[in-house]
Amino acid sequence: MAKSPTNGERTLAFEYRPIPVSPISVALLLVLGLATFVLGPLASGPELYPLGGLCFVPFAFLVLFVLVNRPSPTRIYYEGIEVSLPWWRRLVGAKRYYTWEEIENVYPASYEVSGAFLSPFASSAGTLVHTGVGLEMISGERMTVRFTPGAIRAFRGETEGFRRAMEAIRDVFRERGRPLVTRVKHYSDEEVLAMQRGARQPLLGLPTIVLAFFLPPVLVAVSLLAIPLGPLASGTATSAAIVPPAIAIVITWKRSRRRNHTLSEMSKFQEHLRSPR
């Protein structure tokens, strides 16, 4: 890989530019835009739309959220790495450049697409698990450099951006004469197999997900139709129906974090084994 001097004394090896808007944000913009500018005027009378502009406030807040989370590029230098950060973190002066001397471990790390925990069906199946570059600093700080998924179709999906970034990092470390992983916990073959089996298990069983998401609303709807209730009782019953899905989402999120940690630990150990001694 040819070196090209850039940014003062740094020499650029690879640059990855993430898309400015995440897939989840695009979906939310489409849904809220449709509700605000199409369904709102059609379903409401002149007295309810646009309420002096208040109807546009949620959409405006979402646009603002998208703008302040616009990511910067990830740049891999022969001297270090500049990680991608949203605009608001760059504004407050968050650190984004780390020299290789500050980093003791670099390895493929697992993560889920932002907002995946809101869909326990897909999250439990493992179809939203993707692979980024895990960084562990000598100071103890850990982070994962993420890459925009091109498609959601496979367990532990690796994007083209991730593959090219890892190739660049391997070239840099090979030239520096050091392994990607310098400190790692060792696992026996039995422990690795047990970790693999655990990572493949669904986070929640399908019957549990169905019961948590579909049964409570059905029961509330049936009770409201069969028994006339006052506003307070109706509101209480409706609020109670939200509890089981919320619990399922929290459980899925926590188990997903444990699964990603397990997958990352296995990747780190495998990276250590493949490094030349």
Protein backbone atom coordinates (compact mmCIF):
# COMPACT_ATOMS: atom_id res chain seq x y z
CA MET A 1 0.00 0.00 0.00
CA ALA A 2 1.59 3.26 -1.10
CA LYS A 3 2.10 5.96 1.49
CA SER A 4 0.77 9.46 0.89
CA PRO A 5 1.72 12.29 3.25
CA THR A 6 -1.23 14.24 4.60
CA ASN A 7 -2.29 16.29 7.60
CA GLY A 8 1.14 17.53 8.60
CA GLU A 9 3.36 14.70 9.79
CA ARG A 10 0.75 11.97 9.48
CA THR A 11 0.78 9.54 6.58
CA LEU A 12 -2.64 8.34 5.45
CA ALA A 13 -3.14 4.61 4.81
CA PHE A 14 -6.92 4.45 4.43
CA GLU A 15 -9.95 6.72 4.79
CA TYR A 16 -13.55 5.61 5.31
CA ARG A 17 -16.41 8.10 4.96
CA PRO A 18 -19.65 6.86 6.56
CA ILE A 19 -22.95 7.88 5.07
CA PRO A 20 -24.14 11.15 6.65
CA VAL A 21 -27.48 9.70 7.82
CA SER A 22 -27.91 6.27 9.42
CA PRO A 23 -30.49 3.80 8.00
CA ILE A 24 -32.56 4.12 11.20
CA SER A 25 -32.63 7.93 10.85
CA VAL A 26 -33.67 7.66 7.21
CA ALA A 27 -36.55 5.36 8.18
CA LEU A 28 -37.67 7.74 10.94
CA LEU A 29 -37.47 10.74 8.59
CA LEU A 30 -39.62 8.95 6.02
CA VAL A 31 -42.25 7.83 8.54
CA LEU A 32 -42.46 11.13 10.41
CA GLY A 33 -42.32 13.14 7.18
CA LEU A 34 -45.21 11.10 5.77
CA ALA A 35 -47.23 11.57 8.96
CA THR A 36 -46.48 15.30 9.16
CA PHE A 37 -46.88 16.44 5.58
CA VAL A 38 -49.28 13.87 4.09
CA LEU A 39 -51.39 12.02 6.65
CA GLY A 40 -51.69 15.00 9.01
CA PRO A 41 -53.38 17.35 6.51
CA LEU A 42 -55.59 14.54 5.17
CA ALA A 43 -56.78 13.28 8.57
CA SER A 44 -57.16 16.63 10.38
CA GLY A 45 -59.40 19.60 9.85
CA PRO A 46 -58.16 23.18 9.46
CA GLU A 47 -58.62 23.74 13.21
CA LEU A 48 -56.13 20.96 14.05
CA TYR A 49 -53.50 21.36 11.34
CA PRO A 50 -50.92 22.82 11.55
CA LEU A 51 -51.71 24.24 15.03
CA GLY A 52 -49.66 27.35 14.42
CA GLY A 53 -46.68 25.30 13.33
CA LEU A 54 -46.62 22.93 16.33
CA CYS A 55 -47.28 19.97 14.02
CA PHE A 56 -43.87 20.52 12.45
CA VAL A 57 -41.94 20.55 15.75
CA PRO A 58 -41.33 16.74 15.99
CA PHE A 59 -40.04 16.61 12.41
CA ALA A 60 -37.81 19.65 13.02
CA PHE A 61 -36.35 18.01 16.15
CA LEU A 62 -35.60 14.85 14.17
CA VAL A 63 -33.84 16.86 11.44
CA LEU A 64 -31.81 18.62 14.14
CA PHE A 65 -30.92 15.25 15.69
CA VAL A 66 -29.72 13.98 12.29
CA LEU A 67 -27.59 17.08 11.73
CA VAL A 68 -25.85 17.04 15.12
CA ASN A 69 -25.08 13.32 14.69
CA ARG A 70 -23.46 13.71 11.27
CA PRO A 71 -20.31 11.53 11.50
CA SER A 72 -16.77 12.44 10.55
CA PRO A 73 -14.53 10.13 8.48
CA THR A 74 -12.45 7.34 10.00
CA ARG A 75 -8.83 7.78 8.97
CA ILE A 76 -6.12 5.18 9.43
CA TYR A 77 -2.60 6.59 9.48
CA TYR A 78 0.74 4.89 9.77
CA GLU A 79 1.12 6.81 13.04
CA GLY A 80 -2.36 6.23 14.52
CA ILE A 81 -6.10 6.23 13.90
CA GLU A 82 -8.69 9.00 13.80
CA VAL A 83 -12.06 7.52 14.74
CA SER A 84 -15.39 8.70 13.41
CA LEU A 85 -17.38 10.86 15.84
CA PRO A 86 -20.74 12.66 15.52
CA TRP A 87 -20.63 16.43 15.06
CA TRP A 88 -21.82 17.21 18.60
CA ARG A 89 -18.96 15.23 20.15
CA ARG A 90 -16.43 16.98 17.94
CA LEU A 91 -18.00 20.30 18.98
CA VAL A 92 -17.34 19.62 22.68
CA GLY A 93 -13.75 18.61 21.94
CA ALA A 94 -13.94 14.82 22.32
CA LYS A 95 -10.71 13.04 21.49
CA ARG A 96 -10.74 11.26 18.16
CA TYR A 97 -7.07 10.68 17.26
CA TYR A 98 -5.06 7.93 18.97
CA THR A 99 -1.47 6.97 18.23
CA TRP A 100 -0.70 3.27 17.87
CA GLU A 101 1.50 3.56 20.95
CA GLU A 102 -1.65 4.32 22.98
CA ILE A 103 -3.42 1.19 21.71
CA GLU A 104 -2.59 -2.32 22.87
CA ASN A 105 -5.29 -4.35 21.08
CA VAL A 106 -6.93 -4.01 17.65
CA TYR A 107 -9.37 -6.71 16.54
CA PRO A 108 -12.74 -7.33 14.80
CA ALA A 109 -15.47 -6.37 17.30
CA SER A 110 -19.20 -7.09 17.14
CA TYR A 111 -21.97 -4.52 17.45
CA GLU A 112 -25.60 -4.15 16.49
CA VAL A 113 -27.13 -1.60 14.16
CA SER A 114 -28.34 1.45 16.08
CA GLY A 115 -31.88 0.91 17.30
CA ALA A 116 -31.73 -2.85 16.77
CA PHE A 117 -32.79 -3.47 20.38
CA LEU A 118 -36.19 -2.01 19.45
CA SER A 119 -36.76 -5.06 17.25
CA PRO A 120 -36.31 -8.17 19.41
CA PHE A 121 -37.44 -10.36 16.50
CA ALA A 122 -34.42 -9.45 14.34
CA SER A 123 -32.05 -8.85 17.23
CA SER A 124 -32.73 -12.22 18.82
CA ALA A 125 -32.09 -13.95 15.50
CA GLY A 126 -28.68 -12.28 15.25
CA THR A 127 -29.29 -10.78 11.80
CA LEU A 128 -28.39 -7.27 12.99
CA VAL A 129 -24.92 -8.17 14.32
CA HIS A 130 -22.17 -6.45 12.36
CA THR A 131 -18.40 -6.19 12.66
CA GLY A 132 -16.31 -3.11 13.35
CA VAL A 133 -12.77 -2.41 14.51
CA GLY A 134 -12.35 -2.85 18.26
CA LEU A 135 -9.76 -0.66 19.97
CA GLU A 136 -8.44 -1.21 23.48
CA MET A 137 -6.20 1.50 24.91
CA ILE A 138 -3.41 1.01 27.41
CA SER A 139 -5.38 3.41 29.63
CA GLY A 140 -8.29 0.93 29.71
CA GLU A 141 -10.60 2.81 27.34
CA ARG A 142 -12.46 0.65 24.80
CA MET A 143 -14.32 1.63 21.66
CA THR A 144 -15.67 0.14 18.45
CA VAL A 145 -15.23 1.88 15.10
CA ARG A 146 -18.44 1.19 13.20
CA PHE A 147 -19.05 0.83 9.48
CA THR A 148 -22.39 1.43 7.79
CA PRO A 149 -23.98 -1.92 6.87
CA GLY A 150 -24.54 -2.29 3.15
CA ALA A 151 -27.16 -4.99 3.74
CA ILE A 152 -28.78 -6.71 6.70
CA ARG A 153 -28.64 -10.31 5.64
CA ALA A 154 -26.12 -12.34 7.65
CA PHE A 155 -24.94 -13.07 11.15
CA ARG A 156 -21.76 -11.07 11.91
CA GLY A 157 -21.90 -9.18 8.62
CA GLU A 158 -18.63 -7.65 7.43
CA THR A 159 -18.92 -4.60 5.21
CA GLU A 160 -16.50 -3.59 2.46
CA GLY A 161 -15.43 -0.59 4.56
CA PHE A 162 -14.54 -2.85 7.49
CA ARG A 163 -12.58 -5.29 5.33
CA ARG A 164 -10.53 -2.54 3.71
CA ALA A 165 -9.92 -0.85 7.07
CA MET A 166 -8.64 -4.10 8.61
CA GLU A 167 -6.39 -4.71 5.60
CA ALA A 168 -4.91 -1.22 6.03
CA ILE A 169 -4.40 -1.76 9.77
CA ARG A 170 -2.70 -5.13 9.17
CA ASP A 171 -0.37 -3.51 6.65
CA VAL A 172 0.48 -0.72 9.08
CA PHE A 173 1.14 -3.11 11.97
CA ARG A 174 3.15 -5.43 9.74
CA GLU A 175 5.37 -2.51 8.78
CA ARG A 176 5.68 -1.50 12.42
CA GLY A 177 6.65 -5.06 13.34
CA ARG A 178 4.04 -5.56 16.08
CA PRO A 179 0.96 -7.79 16.45
CA LEU A 180 -2.56 -6.39 16.51
CA VAL A 181 -3.24 -7.99 19.91
CA THR A 182 -0.65 -7.78 22.67
CA ARG A 183 -2.70 -8.68 25.75
CA VAL A 184 -5.57 -11.17 25.78
CA LYS A 185 -7.24 -13.70 28.00
CA HIS A 186 -6.53 -17.28 26.88
CA TYR A 187 -9.35 -19.77 26.39
CA SER A 188 -9.32 -23.54 26.10
CA ASP A 189 -10.92 -25.29 23.12
CA GLU A 190 -13.87 -26.29 25.32
CA GLU A 191 -14.37 -22.68 26.44
CA VAL A 192 -14.30 -21.42 22.85
CA LEU A 193 -16.88 -24.00 21.77
CA ALA A 194 -19.11 -23.06 24.71
CA MET A 195 -18.81 -19.36 23.80
CA GLN A 196 -19.74 -20.14 20.20
CA ARG A 197 -22.80 -22.10 21.27
CA GLY A 198 -23.88 -19.32 23.61
CA ALA A 199 -23.45 -16.65 20.94
CA ARG A 200 -25.65 -18.61 18.53
CA GLN A 201 -28.53 -18.89 20.98
CA PRO A 202 -31.49 -16.54 20.39
CA LEU A 203 -31.69 -13.73 22.92
CA LEU A 204 -35.38 -14.43 23.52
CA GLY A 205 -37.47 -17.37 22.41
CA LEU A 206 -40.04 -16.69 19.71
CA PRO A 207 -42.99 -17.66 21.98
CA THR A 208 -41.78 -15.16 24.60
CA ILE A 209 -41.47 -12.37 22.02
CA VAL A 210 -44.93 -13.06 20.59
CA LEU A 211 -46.53 -13.14 24.04
CA ALA A 212 -44.78 -9.95 25.13
CA PHE A 213 -45.66 -7.93 22.04
CA PHE A 214 -49.03 -9.26 20.88
CA LEU A 215 -50.89 -10.73 23.83
CA PRO A 216 -51.11 -7.58 26.04
CA PRO A 217 -52.60 -5.31 23.32
CA VAL A 218 -55.11 -8.03 22.39
CA LEU A 219 -56.19 -8.47 26.00
CA VAL A 220 -56.57 -4.71 26.46
CA ALA A 221 -58.58 -4.37 23.24
CA VAL A 222 -60.89 -7.22 24.22
CA SER A 223 -61.42 -5.81 27.72
CA LEU A 224 -62.17 -2.33 26.41
CA LEU A 225 -64.70 -3.69 23.96
CA ALA A 226 -66.35 -6.04 26.45
CA ILE A 227 -66.32 -3.83 29.55
CA PRO A 228 -67.07 -0.11 29.42
CA LEU A 229 -64.32 1.64 31.37
CA GLY A 230 -63.78 5.23 32.34
CA PRO A 231 -60.91 7.33 30.98
CA LEU A 232 -58.67 6.60 33.99
CA ALA A 233 -59.22 2.84 33.84
CA SER A 234 -58.74 2.79 30.07
CA GLY A 235 -55.51 4.75 30.37
CA THR A 236 -54.25 2.42 33.10
CA ALA A 237 -55.05 -0.68 31.04
CA THR A 238 -53.34 0.77 27.98
CA SER A 239 -50.26 1.73 30.00
CA ALA A 240 -50.09 -1.77 31.47
CA ALA A 241 -49.99 -3.22 27.95
CA ILE A 242 -46.75 -1.35 27.31
CA VAL A 243 -44.93 -3.00 30.22
CA PRO A 244 -44.31 -6.50 28.72
CA PRO A 245 -42.84 -5.17 25.42
CA ALA A 246 -40.67 -2.72 27.33
CA ILE A 247 -39.33 -5.51 29.56
CA ALA A 248 -38.64 -7.68 26.49
CA ILE A 249 -36.70 -4.83 24.84
CA VAL A 250 -34.57 -4.24 27.95
CA ILE A 251 -33.78 -7.95 28.30
CA THR A 252 -32.90 -8.20 24.61
CA TRP A 253 -30.63 -5.15 24.84
CA LYS A 254 -28.73 -6.50 27.86
CA ARG A 255 -28.32 -9.98 26.37
CA SER A 256 -27.28 -8.47 23.06
CA ARG A 257 -24.48 -6.55 24.77
CA ARG A 258 -23.28 -9.77 26.42
CA ARG A 259 -23.39 -11.60 23.09
CA ASN A 260 -21.41 -8.88 21.33
CA HIS A 261 -18.83 -8.95 24.13
CA THR A 262 -18.51 -12.73 23.75
CA LEU A 263 -18.09 -12.51 19.98
CA SER A 264 -15.51 -9.74 20.35
CA GLU A 265 -13.55 -11.70 22.93
CA MET A 266 -13.42 -14.70 20.59
CA SER A 267 -12.27 -12.47 17.72
CA LYS A 268 -9.57 -10.93 19.89
CA PHE A 269 -8.33 -14.38 20.96
CA GLN A 270 -8.34 -15.63 17.35
CA GLU A 271 -6.44 -12.53 16.25
CA HIS A 272 -3.84 -13.27 18.92
CA LEU A 273 -3.49 -16.89 17.71
CA ARG A 274 -3.00 -15.88 14.09
CA SER A 275 -0.32 -13.29 14.91
CA PRO A 276 3.25 -14.41 14.14
CA ARG A 277 5.25 -15.33 17.23
